[in-house]
Amino acid sequence: MPVLTIVLIILAIVLLGGLIAFYFLGKRADKKRAEQQAQLDAMAQTVSMLVIDKKRLHLKDAGLPQAVMETKLPWYAKASKVPVAKVKLNGPGGSQIMTMIVENEIFEDLPVKKEIKATVSGLYITNFRGNHGKLQIEQKKKKGLKAWALRKQKELKNNK
């Protein structure tokens, strides 16, 4: 057998092994994501709030409570930027200004300087709707692979 054929066979076997490994790791990640989503849904509550500002910041710069920073976070989570919003919560005990983490899918649509009713799970905003009537959300069609993937993800989520 020629050397090129042997090298190609070995390369094919390694690639096949990698694909099988990624398949099982993906199934495990999907199961873990489903468990986390169930926990978020169980703790969800609707809160009226005014969105003051929204940004993408590093976790250490976001101004989140110290308990969040003391949790065991992977190295890539510390280095990545997360979508955060500074909000004024309107509650029975008075108003309170907090920094909350926003879900990636709704971050672009979150209105600034508007009052909304948001579904909150701890410090995590998972969904929102207008407090007084409908919100006028400007849809800017973004270009690129990431924007296309996010649009497809929203379409699939809405079709379920």
C-alpha atoms as a PDB file:
ATOM      1  CA  MET A   1       0.000   0.000   0.000  1.00  0.00           C
ATOM      2  CA  PRO A   2       1.259   3.469  -0.761  1.00  0.00           C
ATOM      3  CA  VAL A   3       2.069   5.759   2.138  1.00  0.00           C
ATOM      4  CA  LEU A   4      -0.511   8.321   1.001  1.00  0.00           C
ATOM      5  CA  THR A   5      -3.328   5.768   1.272  1.00  0.00           C
ATOM      6  CA  ILE A   6      -2.287   4.773   4.784  1.00  0.00           C
ATOM      7  CA  VAL A   7      -2.104   8.408   5.879  1.00  0.00           C
ATOM      8  CA  LEU A   8      -5.567   9.120   4.421  1.00  0.00           C
ATOM      9  CA  ILE A   9      -7.078   6.056   6.142  1.00  0.00           C
ATOM     10  CA  ILE A  10      -5.595   7.070   9.499  1.00  0.00           C
ATOM     11  CA  LEU A  11      -6.805  10.640   9.013  1.00  0.00           C
ATOM     12  CA  ALA A  12     -10.321   9.391   8.186  1.00  0.00           C
ATOM     13  CA  ILE A  13     -10.379   7.217  11.306  1.00  0.00           C
ATOM     14  CA  VAL A  14      -9.241  10.115  13.510  1.00  0.00           C
ATOM     15  CA  LEU A  15     -11.877  12.424  12.011  1.00  0.00           C
ATOM     16  CA  LEU A  16     -14.583   9.803  12.480  1.00  0.00           C
ATOM     17  CA  GLY A  17     -13.533   9.355  16.116  1.00  0.00           C
ATOM     18  CA  GLY A  18     -13.655  13.115  16.618  1.00  0.00           C
ATOM     19  CA  LEU A  19     -17.144  13.331  15.132  1.00  0.00           C
ATOM     20  CA  ILE A  20     -18.402  10.557  17.397  1.00  0.00           C
ATOM     21  CA  ALA A  21     -16.863  12.259  20.449  1.00  0.00           C
ATOM     22  CA  PHE A  22     -18.472  15.602  19.530  1.00  0.00           C
ATOM     23  CA  TYR A  23     -21.835  13.884  19.068  1.00  0.00           C
ATOM     24  CA  PHE A  24     -21.844  12.441  22.584  1.00  0.00           C
ATOM     25  CA  LEU A  25     -20.460  15.640  24.138  1.00  0.00           C
ATOM     26  CA  GLY A  26     -23.225  17.595  22.385  1.00  0.00           C
ATOM     27  CA  LYS A  27     -25.905  15.269  23.745  1.00  0.00           C
ATOM     28  CA  ARG A  28     -24.509  15.705  27.253  1.00  0.00           C
ATOM     29  CA  ALA A  29     -24.427  19.509  26.857  1.00  0.00           C
ATOM     30  CA  ASP A  30     -28.047  19.522  25.594  1.00  0.00           C
ATOM     31  CA  LYS A  31     -29.171  17.521  28.625  1.00  0.00           C
ATOM     32  CA  LYS A  32     -27.344  19.893  30.983  1.00  0.00           C
ATOM     33  CA  ARG A  33     -28.861  22.934  29.207  1.00  0.00           C
ATOM     34  CA  ALA A  34     -32.366  21.458  29.545  1.00  0.00           C
ATOM     35  CA  GLU A  35     -31.863  20.953  33.299  1.00  0.00           C
ATOM     36  CA  GLN A  36     -30.634  24.535  33.720  1.00  0.00           C
ATOM     37  CA  GLN A  37     -33.561  25.889  31.696  1.00  0.00           C
ATOM     38  CA  ALA A  38     -35.989  23.957  33.896  1.00  0.00           C
ATOM     39  CA  GLN A  39     -34.426  25.541  36.998  1.00  0.00           C
ATOM     40  CA  LEU A  40     -34.669  29.020  35.457  1.00  0.00           C
ATOM     41  CA  ASP A  41     -38.322  28.459  34.547  1.00  0.00           C
ATOM     42  CA  ALA A  42     -39.122  27.236  38.071  1.00  0.00           C
ATOM     43  CA  MET A  43     -37.678  30.376  39.674  1.00  0.00           C
ATOM     44  CA  ALA A  44     -39.084  32.847  37.118  1.00  0.00           C
ATOM     45  CA  GLN A  45     -41.171  35.798  38.275  1.00  0.00           C
ATOM     46  CA  THR A  46     -42.499  38.891  36.532  1.00  0.00           C
ATOM     47  CA  VAL A  47     -41.129  42.246  37.671  1.00  0.00           C
ATOM     48  CA  SER A  48     -41.798  45.799  36.523  1.00  0.00           C
ATOM     49  CA  MET A  49     -38.586  47.693  35.805  1.00  0.00           C
ATOM     50  CA  LEU A  50     -37.105  50.692  34.036  1.00  0.00           C
ATOM     51  CA  VAL A  51     -34.068  49.907  31.873  1.00  0.00           C
ATOM     52  CA  ILE A  52     -31.475  52.630  32.435  1.00  0.00           C
ATOM     53  CA  ASP A  53     -28.585  51.312  30.357  1.00  0.00           C
ATOM     54  CA  LYS A  54     -27.404  48.144  28.605  1.00  0.00           C
ATOM     55  CA  LYS A  55     -23.873  47.083  27.661  1.00  0.00           C
ATOM     56  CA  ARG A  56     -21.671  44.091  27.024  1.00  0.00           C
ATOM     57  CA  LEU A  57     -19.073  43.977  29.810  1.00  0.00           C
ATOM     58  CA  HIS A  58     -16.576  41.581  31.358  1.00  0.00           C
ATOM     59  CA  LEU A  59     -17.941  39.907  34.498  1.00  0.00           C
ATOM     60  CA  LYS A  60     -15.467  41.687  36.770  1.00  0.00           C
ATOM     61  CA  ASP A  61     -16.422  45.096  35.319  1.00  0.00           C
ATOM     62  CA  ALA A  62     -20.190  44.511  35.276  1.00  0.00           C
ATOM     63  CA  GLY A  63     -20.820  45.500  38.894  1.00  0.00           C
ATOM     64  CA  LEU A  64     -22.561  42.254  39.803  1.00  0.00           C
ATOM     65  CA  PRO A  65     -22.796  41.192  43.472  1.00  0.00           C
ATOM     66  CA  GLN A  66     -19.685  39.675  45.047  1.00  0.00           C
ATOM     67  CA  ALA A  67     -21.448  36.312  45.458  1.00  0.00           C
ATOM     68  CA  VAL A  68     -21.567  35.958  41.673  1.00  0.00           C
ATOM     69  CA  MET A  69     -17.848  36.606  41.373  1.00  0.00           C
ATOM     70  CA  GLU A  70     -16.984  34.138  44.151  1.00  0.00           C
ATOM     71  CA  THR A  71     -18.700  31.235  42.426  1.00  0.00           C
ATOM     72  CA  LYS A  72     -16.563  28.736  40.571  1.00  0.00           C
ATOM     73  CA  LEU A  73     -16.518  30.057  37.010  1.00  0.00           C
ATOM     74  CA  PRO A  74     -14.610  28.529  34.102  1.00  0.00           C
ATOM     75  CA  TRP A  75     -11.690  30.552  32.746  1.00  0.00           C
ATOM     76  CA  TYR A  76     -13.454  31.343  29.477  1.00  0.00           C
ATOM     77  CA  ALA A  77     -16.467  32.784  31.329  1.00  0.00           C
ATOM     78  CA  LYS A  78     -14.228  35.221  33.163  1.00  0.00           C
ATOM     79  CA  ALA A  79     -12.646  36.369  29.912  1.00  0.00           C
ATOM     80  CA  SER A  80     -15.840  36.714  27.866  1.00  0.00           C
ATOM     81  CA  LYS A  81     -18.178  39.684  27.782  1.00  0.00           C
ATOM     82  CA  VAL A  82     -21.757  39.242  29.000  1.00  0.00           C
ATOM     83  CA  PRO A  83     -24.806  41.346  28.173  1.00  0.00           C
ATOM     84  CA  VAL A  84     -25.817  43.322  31.265  1.00  0.00           C
ATOM     85  CA  ALA A  85     -28.464  45.949  31.916  1.00  0.00           C
ATOM     86  CA  LYS A  86     -28.659  48.521  34.680  1.00  0.00           C
ATOM     87  CA  VAL A  87     -32.292  48.590  35.777  1.00  0.00           C
ATOM     88  CA  LYS A  88     -34.453  50.347  38.344  1.00  0.00           C
ATOM     89  CA  LEU A  89     -36.775  47.815  39.965  1.00  0.00           C
ATOM     90  CA  ASN A  90     -40.143  49.098  41.092  1.00  0.00           C
ATOM     91  CA  GLY A  91     -41.198  47.049  44.085  1.00  0.00           C
ATOM     92  CA  PRO A  92     -43.438  47.374  47.113  1.00  0.00           C
ATOM     93  CA  GLY A  93     -40.483  48.358  49.320  1.00  0.00           C
ATOM     94  CA  GLY A  94     -39.482  51.193  47.006  1.00  0.00           C
ATOM     95  CA  SER A  95     -37.269  51.379  43.979  1.00  0.00           C
ATOM     96  CA  GLN A  96     -33.848  49.807  43.752  1.00  0.00           C
ATOM     97  CA  ILE A  97     -31.123  50.120  41.091  1.00  0.00           C
ATOM     98  CA  MET A  98     -29.481  46.823  40.134  1.00  0.00           C
ATOM     99  CA  THR A  99     -27.258  45.355  37.450  1.00  0.00           C
ATOM    100  CA  MET A 100     -28.747  42.244  35.850  1.00  0.00           C
ATOM    101  CA  ILE A 101     -27.539  39.774  33.233  1.00  0.00           C
ATOM    102  CA  VAL A 102     -29.661  39.646  30.074  1.00  0.00           C
ATOM    103  CA  GLU A 103     -30.226  36.618  27.856  1.00  0.00           C
ATOM    104  CA  ASN A 104     -28.307  36.912  24.581  1.00  0.00           C
ATOM    105  CA  GLU A 105     -31.366  36.443  22.357  1.00  0.00           C
ATOM    106  CA  ILE A 106     -33.251  39.414  23.813  1.00  0.00           C
ATOM    107  CA  PHE A 107     -30.341  41.780  24.483  1.00  0.00           C
ATOM    108  CA  GLU A 108     -30.541  43.609  21.144  1.00  0.00           C
ATOM    109  CA  ASP A 109     -34.327  44.090  21.461  1.00  0.00           C
ATOM    110  CA  LEU A 110     -34.238  45.344  25.069  1.00  0.00           C
ATOM    111  CA  PRO A 111     -35.356  49.009  25.028  1.00  0.00           C
ATOM    112  CA  VAL A 112     -33.347  51.617  26.930  1.00  0.00           C
ATOM    113  CA  LYS A 113     -35.075  54.340  28.991  1.00  0.00           C
ATOM    114  CA  LYS A 114     -38.395  52.456  28.797  1.00  0.00           C
ATOM    115  CA  GLU A 115     -40.470  50.754  31.439  1.00  0.00           C
ATOM    116  CA  ILE A 116     -40.997  47.042  30.853  1.00  0.00           C
ATOM    117  CA  LYS A 117     -42.357  43.967  32.568  1.00  0.00           C
ATOM    118  CA  ALA A 118     -39.577  41.404  32.565  1.00  0.00           C
ATOM    119  CA  THR A 119     -39.464  37.740  33.450  1.00  0.00           C
ATOM    120  CA  VAL A 120     -36.604  37.502  35.924  1.00  0.00           C
ATOM    121  CA  SER A 121     -34.924  34.456  37.412  1.00  0.00           C
ATOM    122  CA  GLY A 122     -32.517  35.632  40.094  1.00  0.00           C
ATOM    123  CA  LEU A 123     -30.202  38.181  38.423  1.00  0.00           C
ATOM    124  CA  TYR A 124     -31.049  36.906  34.932  1.00  0.00           C
ATOM    125  CA  ILE A 125     -33.577  38.605  32.623  1.00  0.00           C
ATOM    126  CA  THR A 126     -35.040  35.904  30.387  1.00  0.00           C
ATOM    127  CA  ASN A 127     -37.917  37.697  28.631  1.00  0.00           C
ATOM    128  CA  PHE A 128     -39.736  41.033  28.550  1.00  0.00           C
ATOM    129  CA  ARG A 129     -42.804  42.808  27.250  1.00  0.00           C
ATOM    130  CA  GLY A 130     -44.010  46.411  27.271  1.00  0.00           C
ATOM    131  CA  ASN A 131     -45.474  47.721  30.505  1.00  0.00           C
ATOM    132  CA  HIS A 132     -47.748  50.294  28.876  1.00  0.00           C
ATOM    133  CA  GLY A 133     -48.907  49.062  25.489  1.00  0.00           C
ATOM    134  CA  LYS A 134     -46.702  47.646  22.773  1.00  0.00           C
ATOM    135  CA  LEU A 135     -43.030  48.463  22.467  1.00  0.00           C
ATOM    136  CA  GLN A 136     -41.734  49.790  19.184  1.00  0.00           C
ATOM    137  CA  ILE A 137     -38.644  47.699  18.544  1.00  0.00           C
ATOM    138  CA  GLU A 138     -36.475  48.832  15.671  1.00  0.00           C
ATOM    139  CA  GLN A 139     -35.451  45.832  13.616  1.00  0.00           C
ATOM    140  CA  LYS A 140     -32.043  46.424  12.083  1.00  0.00           C
ATOM    141  CA  LYS A 141     -31.182  43.580   9.760  1.00  0.00           C
ATOM    142  CA  LYS A 142     -27.643  42.629  10.597  1.00  0.00           C
ATOM    143  CA  LYS A 143     -25.303  40.927   8.188  1.00  0.00           C
ATOM    144  CA  GLY A 144     -22.924  38.089   8.778  1.00  0.00           C
ATOM    145  CA  LEU A 145     -22.855  34.484   9.872  1.00  0.00           C
ATOM    146  CA  LYS A 146     -23.529  35.174  13.565  1.00  0.00           C
ATOM    147  CA  ALA A 147     -26.589  37.323  12.772  1.00  0.00           C
ATOM    148  CA  TRP A 148     -27.902  34.659  10.405  1.00  0.00           C
ATOM    149  CA  ALA A 149     -27.446  31.954  13.081  1.00  0.00           C
ATOM    150  CA  LEU A 150     -29.281  34.065  15.698  1.00  0.00           C
ATOM    151  CA  ARG A 151     -32.184  34.699  13.278  1.00  0.00           C
ATOM    152  CA  LYS A 152     -32.454  30.974  12.521  1.00  0.00           C
ATOM    153  CA  GLN A 153     -32.349  30.175  16.245  1.00  0.00           C
ATOM    154  CA  LYS A 154     -35.220  32.610  16.919  1.00  0.00           C
ATOM    155  CA  GLU A 155     -37.238  31.162  14.039  1.00  0.00           C
ATOM    156  CA  LEU A 156     -36.790  27.620  15.340  1.00  0.00           C
ATOM    157  CA  LYS A 157     -37.682  28.699  18.872  1.00  0.00           C
ATOM    158  CA  ASN A 158     -40.860  30.446  17.648  1.00  0.00           C
ATOM    159  CA  ASN A 159     -41.921  27.444  15.536  1.00  0.00           C
ATOM    160  CA  LYS A 160     -41.848  25.019  18.507  1.00  0.00           C
END
